[in-house]
C-alpha atoms as a PDB file:
ATOM      1  CA  MET A   1      75.612  60.180 153.701  1.00  0.00           C
ATOM      2  CA  GLU A   2      78.400  62.411 153.728  1.00  0.00           C
ATOM      3  CA  GLU A   3      78.246  65.912 155.386  1.00  0.00           C
ATOM      4  CA  ASP A   4      78.331  68.885 152.798  1.00  0.00           C
ATOM      5  CA  LYS A   5      82.116  70.092 152.563  1.00  0.00           C
ATOM      6  CA  LYS A   6      82.230  73.707 153.663  1.00  0.00           C
ATOM      7  CA  ALA A   7      82.900  76.234 151.409  1.00  0.00           C
ATOM      8  CA  PRO A   8      86.735  77.636 151.007  1.00  0.00           C
ATOM      9  CA  THR A   9      87.676  79.999 153.017  1.00  0.00           C
ATOM     10  CA  GLN A  10      87.474  83.293 151.629  1.00  0.00           C
ATOM     11  CA  PRO A  11      90.893  85.764 151.609  1.00  0.00           C
ATOM     12  CA  GLN A  12      89.832  88.107 154.312  1.00  0.00           C
ATOM     13  CA  GLU A  13      88.876  85.511 156.279  1.00  0.00           C
ATOM     14  CA  GLN A  14      92.480  83.684 155.717  1.00  0.00           C
ATOM     15  CA  ILE A  15      93.581  86.909 156.478  1.00  0.00           C
ATOM     16  CA  LYS A  16      91.948  87.145 159.778  1.00  0.00           C
ATOM     17  CA  GLU A  17      92.589  83.745 160.910  1.00  0.00           C
ATOM     18  CA  LEU A  18      96.466  84.613 160.688  1.00  0.00           C
ATOM     19  CA  GLY A  19      96.472  87.464 162.730  1.00  0.00           C
ATOM     20  CA  GLY A  20      96.666  91.169 162.561  1.00  0.00           C
ATOM     21  CA  ALA A  21      93.773  93.481 161.687  1.00  0.00           C
ATOM     22  CA  LEU A  22      92.347  94.754 158.349  1.00  0.00           C
ATOM     23  CA  MET A  23      91.039  98.333 158.583  1.00  0.00           C
ATOM     24  CA  GLU A  24      88.686  99.647 156.137  1.00  0.00           C
ATOM     25  CA  GLY A  25      88.694 103.666 155.793  1.00  0.00           C
ATOM     26  CA  THR A  26      87.652 106.159 153.059  1.00  0.00           C
ATOM     27  CA  ALA A  27      91.488 105.659 151.706  1.00  0.00           C
ATOM     28  CA  GLY A  28      91.061 101.989 151.394  1.00  0.00           C
ATOM     29  CA  LYS A  29      91.310  98.388 153.114  1.00  0.00           C
ATOM     30  CA  ILE A  30      94.728  98.469 155.021  1.00  0.00           C
ATOM     31  CA  TYR A  31      95.949  95.157 156.595  1.00  0.00           C
ATOM     32  CA  THR A  32      98.757  95.466 159.631  1.00  0.00           C
ATOM     33  CA  LEU A  33     101.189  93.482 160.014  1.00  0.00           C
ATOM     34  CA  THR A  34     103.175  92.950 163.460  1.00  0.00           C
ATOM     35  CA  ILE A  35     106.437  91.844 163.849  1.00  0.00           C
ATOM     36  CA  ILE A  36     107.237  91.419 167.308  1.00  0.00           C
ATOM     37  CA  GLY A  37     109.485  89.791 169.720  1.00  0.00           C
ATOM     38  CA  GLN A  38     112.152  87.448 168.224  1.00  0.00           C
ATOM     39  CA  ILE A  39     112.121  86.249 164.469  1.00  0.00           C
ATOM     40  CA  GLU A  40     111.533  82.555 164.670  1.00  0.00           C
ATOM     41  CA  GLY A  41     113.053  80.112 162.167  1.00  0.00           C
ATOM     42  CA  HIS A  42     113.751  76.509 162.011  1.00  0.00           C
ATOM     43  CA  GLN A  43     114.243  75.970 165.322  1.00  0.00           C
ATOM     44  CA  VAL A  44     111.022  76.765 167.590  1.00  0.00           C
ATOM     45  CA  LEU A  45     111.774  78.788 170.402  1.00  0.00           C
ATOM     46  CA  SER A  46     110.283  78.149 173.959  1.00  0.00           C
ATOM     47  CA  GLU A  47     107.104  78.998 174.922  1.00  0.00           C
ATOM     48  CA  THR A  48     108.248  81.859 177.277  1.00  0.00           C
ATOM     49  CA  THR A  49     109.629  83.861 174.015  1.00  0.00           C
ATOM     50  CA  LYS A  50     107.459  86.502 172.157  1.00  0.00           C
ATOM     51  CA  THR A  51     108.063  85.292 168.707  1.00  0.00           C
ATOM     52  CA  THR A  52     107.155  86.344 165.201  1.00  0.00           C
ATOM     53  CA  LYS A  53     106.700  82.837 163.285  1.00  0.00           C
ATOM     54  CA  TYR A  54     108.248  83.083 159.522  1.00  0.00           C
ATOM     55  CA  GLU A  55     105.877  80.169 158.518  1.00  0.00           C
ATOM     56  CA  HIS A  56     102.713  82.227 159.347  1.00  0.00           C
ATOM     57  CA  VAL A  57     104.401  85.528 158.148  1.00  0.00           C
ATOM     58  CA  LEU A  58     105.347  84.221 154.499  1.00  0.00           C
ATOM     59  CA  PRO A  59     101.574  82.794 153.351  1.00  0.00           C
ATOM     60  CA  LEU A  60      99.811  85.639 155.148  1.00  0.00           C
ATOM     61  CA  LEU A  61     102.145  87.917 152.793  1.00  0.00           C
ATOM     62  CA  ALA A  62     101.219  86.111 149.596  1.00  0.00           C
ATOM     63  CA  THR A  63      97.437  85.948 150.437  1.00  0.00           C
ATOM     64  CA  ILE A  64      97.726  90.074 150.930  1.00  0.00           C
ATOM     65  CA  GLU A  65      99.335  90.582 147.688  1.00  0.00           C
ATOM     66  CA  GLU A  66      96.892  88.222 145.847  1.00  0.00           C
ATOM     67  CA  SER A  67      93.709  89.622 147.673  1.00  0.00           C
ATOM     68  CA  ASP A  68      91.331  91.880 146.048  1.00  0.00           C
ATOM     69  CA  GLU A  69      90.315  92.952 149.422  1.00  0.00           C
ATOM     70  CA  VAL A  70      93.533  94.674 150.840  1.00  0.00           C
ATOM     71  CA  ASP A  71      94.666  97.901 149.307  1.00  0.00           C
ATOM     72  CA  GLY A  72      97.833  98.567 151.313  1.00  0.00           C
ATOM     73  CA  LEU A  73     100.182  96.898 153.884  1.00  0.00           C
ATOM     74  CA  LEU A  74     101.301  98.543 157.422  1.00  0.00           C
ATOM     75  CA  ILE A  75     104.406  96.754 158.992  1.00  0.00           C
ATOM     76  CA  LEU A  76     104.863  97.587 162.630  1.00  0.00           C
ATOM     77  CA  LEU A  77     108.141  96.538 163.906  1.00  0.00           C
ATOM     78  CA  ASN A  78     109.151  96.059 167.673  1.00  0.00           C
ATOM     79  CA  THR A  79     111.780  93.134 167.349  1.00  0.00           C
ATOM     80  CA  VAL A  80     114.957  91.858 168.937  1.00  0.00           C
ATOM     81  CA  GLY A  81     116.195  90.441 165.875  1.00  0.00           C
ATOM     82  CA  GLY A  82     116.435  86.395 165.199  1.00  0.00           C
ATOM     83  CA  ASP A  83     116.863  83.931 162.598  1.00  0.00           C
ATOM     84  CA  ILE A  84     118.816  85.662 159.499  1.00  0.00           C
ATOM     85  CA  GLU A  85     117.489  83.263 156.859  1.00  0.00           C
ATOM     86  CA  ALA A  86     114.070  83.665 157.962  1.00  0.00           C
ATOM     87  CA  GLY A  87     114.045  87.564 158.606  1.00  0.00           C
ATOM     88  CA  LEU A  88     115.818  88.083 155.119  1.00  0.00           C
ATOM     89  CA  ALA A  89     112.725  85.471 153.789  1.00  0.00           C
ATOM     90  CA  ILE A  90     110.318  88.040 155.142  1.00  0.00           C
ATOM     91  CA  ALA A  91     111.953  91.167 154.007  1.00  0.00           C
ATOM     92  CA  GLU A  92     112.460  89.805 150.290  1.00  0.00           C
ATOM     93  CA  LEU A  93     108.775  88.808 150.293  1.00  0.00           C
ATOM     94  CA  ILE A  94     107.958  92.514 151.530  1.00  0.00           C
ATOM     95  CA  SER A  95     110.172  93.847 149.143  1.00  0.00           C
ATOM     96  CA  GLY A  96     108.901  92.401 145.985  1.00  0.00           C
ATOM     97  CA  MET A  97     104.880  93.149 146.450  1.00  0.00           C
ATOM     98  CA  LYS A  98     103.468  95.450 144.338  1.00  0.00           C
ATOM     99  CA  LYS A  99     101.049  96.859 146.666  1.00  0.00           C
ATOM    100  CA  PRO A 100     101.413  99.714 148.479  1.00  0.00           C
ATOM    101  CA  THR A 101     103.885  98.866 152.052  1.00  0.00           C
ATOM    102  CA  VAL A 102     105.018 100.930 154.495  1.00  0.00           C
ATOM    103  CA  SER A 103     106.998 100.231 157.674  1.00  0.00           C
ATOM    104  CA  LEU A 104     107.297 101.722 161.164  1.00  0.00           C
ATOM    105  CA  VAL A 105     109.743 100.790 163.965  1.00  0.00           C
ATOM    106  CA  LEU A 106     108.100 101.068 167.366  1.00  0.00           C
ATOM    107  CA  GLY A 107     110.484 100.170 170.364  1.00  0.00           C
ATOM    108  CA  GLY A 108     113.147  98.624 168.065  1.00  0.00           C
ATOM    109  CA  GLY A 109     113.910  97.500 165.075  1.00  0.00           C
ATOM    110  CA  HIS A 110     117.073  95.573 166.162  1.00  0.00           C
ATOM    111  CA  SER A 111     119.638  93.253 163.814  1.00  0.00           C
ATOM    112  CA  ILE A 112     117.530  91.356 161.247  1.00  0.00           C
ATOM    113  CA  GLY A 113     114.768  93.817 161.850  1.00  0.00           C
ATOM    114  CA  VAL A 114     116.931  96.435 159.906  1.00  0.00           C
ATOM    115  CA  PRO A 115     116.511  94.721 156.514  1.00  0.00           C
ATOM    116  CA  LEU A 116     112.762  94.100 157.623  1.00  0.00           C
ATOM    117  CA  ALA A 117     112.414  98.008 158.183  1.00  0.00           C
ATOM    118  CA  VAL A 118     113.755  99.081 154.960  1.00  0.00           C
ATOM    119  CA  SER A 119     112.151  96.433 152.839  1.00  0.00           C
ATOM    120  CA  ALA A 120     108.609  98.050 152.908  1.00  0.00           C
ATOM    121  CA  LYS A 121     108.362 101.094 149.704  1.00  0.00           C
ATOM    122  CA  ARG A 122     108.607 103.772 152.533  1.00  0.00           C
ATOM    123  CA  SER A 123     110.070 103.598 155.995  1.00  0.00           C
ATOM    124  CA  PHE A 124     109.265 105.255 159.384  1.00  0.00           C
ATOM    125  CA  ILE A 125     110.763 105.422 162.901  1.00  0.00           C
ATOM    126  CA  ALA A 126     109.288 106.847 166.178  1.00  0.00           C
ATOM    127  CA  PRO A 127     111.675 109.398 167.560  1.00  0.00           C
ATOM    128  CA  SER A 128     112.297 106.985 170.822  1.00  0.00           C
ATOM    129  CA  ALA A 129     112.910 103.972 168.667  1.00  0.00           C
ATOM    130  CA  GLY A 130     116.412 102.259 168.103  1.00  0.00           C
ATOM    131  CA  MET A 131     118.194  99.847 165.977  1.00  0.00           C
ATOM    132  CA  THR A 132     121.243  97.822 166.539  1.00  0.00           C
ATOM    133  CA  ILE A 133     123.373  97.237 163.893  1.00  0.00           C
ATOM    134  CA  HIS A 134     126.119  94.467 164.307  1.00  0.00           C
ATOM    135  CA  PRO A 135     128.042  91.731 162.305  1.00  0.00           C
ATOM    136  CA  VAL A 136     126.458  88.028 162.079  1.00  0.00           C
ATOM    137  CA  ARG A 137     126.842  86.110 164.980  1.00  0.00           C
ATOM    138  CA  MET A 138     125.883  82.579 166.201  1.00  0.00           C
ATOM    139  CA  SER A 139     125.546  81.193 169.311  1.00  0.00           C
ATOM    140  CA  GLY A 140     126.304  77.541 170.751  1.00  0.00           C
ATOM    141  CA  THR A 141     128.422  75.303 169.016  1.00  0.00           C
ATOM    142  CA  ILE A 142     130.555  75.928 166.072  1.00  0.00           C
ATOM    143  CA  VAL A 143     133.306  74.446 163.518  1.00  0.00           C
ATOM    144  CA  GLY A 144     136.194  76.634 164.217  1.00  0.00           C
ATOM    145  CA  ALA A 145     137.370  76.429 160.499  1.00  0.00           C
ATOM    146  CA  PRO A 146     137.998  78.949 157.729  1.00  0.00           C
ATOM    147  CA  ALA A 147     135.150  77.609 156.088  1.00  0.00           C
ATOM    148  CA  THR A 148     132.863  79.078 158.811  1.00  0.00           C
ATOM    149  CA  PHE A 149     134.309  82.380 158.751  1.00  0.00           C
ATOM    150  CA  ALA A 150     133.596  82.349 154.751  1.00  0.00           C
ATOM    151  CA  TYR A 151     130.289  81.576 155.483  1.00  0.00           C
ATOM    152  CA  PHE A 152     129.289  84.176 158.136  1.00  0.00           C
ATOM    153  CA  ASN A 153     131.042  86.763 155.408  1.00  0.00           C
ATOM    154  CA  GLN A 154     128.651  85.652 152.898  1.00  0.00           C
ATOM    155  CA  ILE A 155     125.668  85.933 155.091  1.00  0.00           C
ATOM    156  CA  GLN A 156     127.079  89.442 156.419  1.00  0.00           C
ATOM    157  CA  ASP A 157     126.890  90.411 152.795  1.00  0.00           C
ATOM    158  CA  ARG A 158     123.554  89.616 151.972  1.00  0.00           C
ATOM    159  CA  ILE A 159     122.306  91.481 154.433  1.00  0.00           C
ATOM    160  CA  VAL A 160     124.601  94.397 153.860  1.00  0.00           C
ATOM    161  CA  GLU A 161     123.502  94.295 149.746  1.00  0.00           C
ATOM    162  CA  PHE A 162     119.609  93.984 150.736  1.00  0.00           C
ATOM    163  CA  VAL A 163     119.831  97.245 153.532  1.00  0.00           C
ATOM    164  CA  THR A 164     121.702  99.294 151.200  1.00  0.00           C
ATOM    165  CA  SER A 165     119.746  98.507 148.039  1.00  0.00           C
ATOM    166  CA  HIS A 166     116.625  99.264 149.792  1.00  0.00           C
ATOM    167  CA  SER A 167     117.615 102.067 151.698  1.00  0.00           C
ATOM    168  CA  HIS A 168     119.558 105.784 151.104  1.00  0.00           C
ATOM    169  CA  ILE A 169     122.488 104.372 153.183  1.00  0.00           C
ATOM    170  CA  THR A 170     125.828 103.913 151.766  1.00  0.00           C
ATOM    171  CA  GLN A 171     127.784 100.275 152.211  1.00  0.00           C
ATOM    172  CA  GLU A 172     130.450 102.486 153.745  1.00  0.00           C
ATOM    173  CA  GLN A 173     128.298 103.921 156.150  1.00  0.00           C
ATOM    174  CA  PHE A 174     126.441 100.614 157.065  1.00  0.00           C
ATOM    175  CA  LEU A 175     129.438  98.799 157.443  1.00  0.00           C
ATOM    176  CA  GLY A 176     131.137 101.731 160.038  1.00  0.00           C
ATOM    177  CA  TYR A 177     128.164 101.231 162.089  1.00  0.00           C
ATOM    178  CA  MET A 178     127.994  97.636 161.734  1.00  0.00           C
ATOM    179  CA  MET A 179     132.264  97.092 162.798  1.00  0.00           C
ATOM    180  CA  ALA A 180     132.152 100.216 165.412  1.00  0.00           C
ATOM    181  CA  THR A 181     134.389  98.870 168.641  1.00  0.00           C
ATOM    182  CA  GLY A 182     133.179 100.842 172.161  1.00  0.00           C
ATOM    183  CA  GLU A 183     129.463 101.788 171.187  1.00  0.00           C
ATOM    184  CA  LEU A 184     127.874  98.614 172.723  1.00  0.00           C
ATOM    185  CA  ALA A 185     128.702  96.800 176.297  1.00  0.00           C
ATOM    186  CA  THR A 186     129.246  93.430 174.881  1.00  0.00           C
ATOM    187  CA  ASP A 187     129.251  93.343 171.161  1.00  0.00           C
ATOM    188  CA  VAL A 188     130.251  95.080 168.210  1.00  0.00           C
ATOM    189  CA  GLY A 189     128.355  97.387 166.506  1.00  0.00           C
ATOM    190  CA  THR A 190     126.279 100.589 167.079  1.00  0.00           C
ATOM    191  CA  MET A 191     122.723 101.376 168.595  1.00  0.00           C
ATOM    192  CA  ILE A 192     121.014 104.432 166.602  1.00  0.00           C
ATOM    193  CA  TYR A 193     118.307 106.150 167.466  1.00  0.00           C
ATOM    194  CA  GLY A 194     115.116 107.708 165.337  1.00  0.00           C
ATOM    195  CA  LYS A 195     116.907 111.106 164.186  1.00  0.00           C
ATOM    196  CA  GLU A 196     119.898 109.338 163.390  1.00  0.00           C
ATOM    197  CA  ALA A 197     118.577 106.491 161.746  1.00  0.00           C
ATOM    198  CA  VAL A 198     116.860 109.121 159.398  1.00  0.00           C
ATOM    199  CA  ALA A 199     120.020 111.678 159.151  1.00  0.00           C
ATOM    200  CA  CYS A 200     122.241 108.544 157.913  1.00  0.00           C
ATOM    201  CA  GLY A 201     119.799 107.020 154.996  1.00  0.00           C
ATOM    202  CA  LEU A 202     118.841 104.183 156.806  1.00  0.00           C
ATOM    203  CA  ILE A 203     114.900 105.043 157.296  1.00  0.00           C
ATOM    204  CA  ASP A 204     113.146 107.494 155.178  1.00  0.00           C
ATOM    205  CA  LYS A 205     111.252 109.509 157.343  1.00  0.00           C
ATOM    206  CA  LEU A 206     110.791 110.227 161.243  1.00  0.00           C
ATOM    207  CA  GLY A 207     107.076 110.006 162.601  1.00  0.00           C
ATOM    208  CA  SER A 208     104.820 107.743 164.406  1.00  0.00           C
ATOM    209  CA  LEU A 209     101.364 106.048 163.477  1.00  0.00           C
ATOM    210  CA  GLY A 210      99.539 109.037 161.818  1.00  0.00           C
ATOM    211  CA  ASP A 211     102.403 109.897 159.414  1.00  0.00           C
ATOM    212  CA  ALA A 212     102.636 106.012 158.590  1.00  0.00           C
ATOM    213  CA  LEU A 213      99.425 105.555 157.535  1.00  0.00           C
ATOM    214  CA  GLY A 214      99.117 109.213 155.815  1.00  0.00           C
ATOM    215  CA  CYS A 215     101.981 107.952 153.868  1.00  0.00           C
ATOM    216  CA  LEU A 216     100.376 104.721 153.285  1.00  0.00           C
ATOM    217  CA  HIS A 217      97.196 105.901 152.128  1.00  0.00           C
ATOM    218  CA  ARG A 218      98.749 108.346 149.635  1.00  0.00           C
ATOM    219  CA  LEU A 219     100.668 105.403 148.099  1.00  0.00           C
ATOM    220  CA  VAL A 220      96.940 103.254 148.132  1.00  0.00           C
ATOM    221  CA  GLN A 221      95.652 106.778 146.151  1.00  0.00           C
ATOM    222  CA  ILE A 222      98.431 106.677 143.584  1.00  0.00           C
ATOM    223  CA  ASN A 223      98.207 103.140 143.014  1.00  0.00           C
ATOM    224  CA  GLN A 224      94.501 103.257 142.301  1.00  0.00           C
ATOM    225  CA  LYS A 225      94.580 105.783 140.118  1.00  0.00           C
ATOM    226  CA  ARG A 226      97.241 104.096 137.809  1.00  0.00           C
ATOM    227  CA  ARG A 227      95.063 100.823 137.958  1.00  0.00           C
ATOM    228  CA  LYS A 228      92.020 102.873 136.743  1.00  0.00           C
ATOM    229  CA  LYS A 229      94.369 104.070 133.716  1.00  0.00           C
ATOM    230  CA  SER A 230      95.529 100.681 132.975  1.00  0.00           C
END
């Protein structure tokens, strides 16, 4: 006699299995997603490298969006960057969510972490946090041909378009940061910190956990009122 099949995993159980935390309060249920270390793409990084795996994050975001047990999403960022296409894929999914989303940059939101930071409906940055903005680059052996240069430009255009369309920074300002010389010791680009990130329009507000959660709670309440009216 065959053993009884296990009941399908409930959405809340699936979310817990994929990491993070589901918090329940008077304002609703908030899921906290951490994007840390290096964004891992199509290649597996070494075991000694702290990574965020996009194949885990993508289905998790879809589950959160569909789950009736989650009212809002808080994204905590402390990343050095990583795979461009994996980072953009995560950013696109976050930006396309209908549920309230708030991001908070802590420590650093470098490189491809910049599109991830601005992908939420509201973005915050801690005063001590930094963000590195630089041109697209690739390590390892590459083909030295005009087509390679054109490919890099296309990727860079995608990043610039995404960031400027999901924040208040202008394309001219963002490219100015990206192409600056003399700012970084071994690279072209710029390192900006909390106040400057807000002043240039890249990030919405300066703040920390309480500020980000307070904003998310307000967005959740607004969303709940809209759902009741519809």
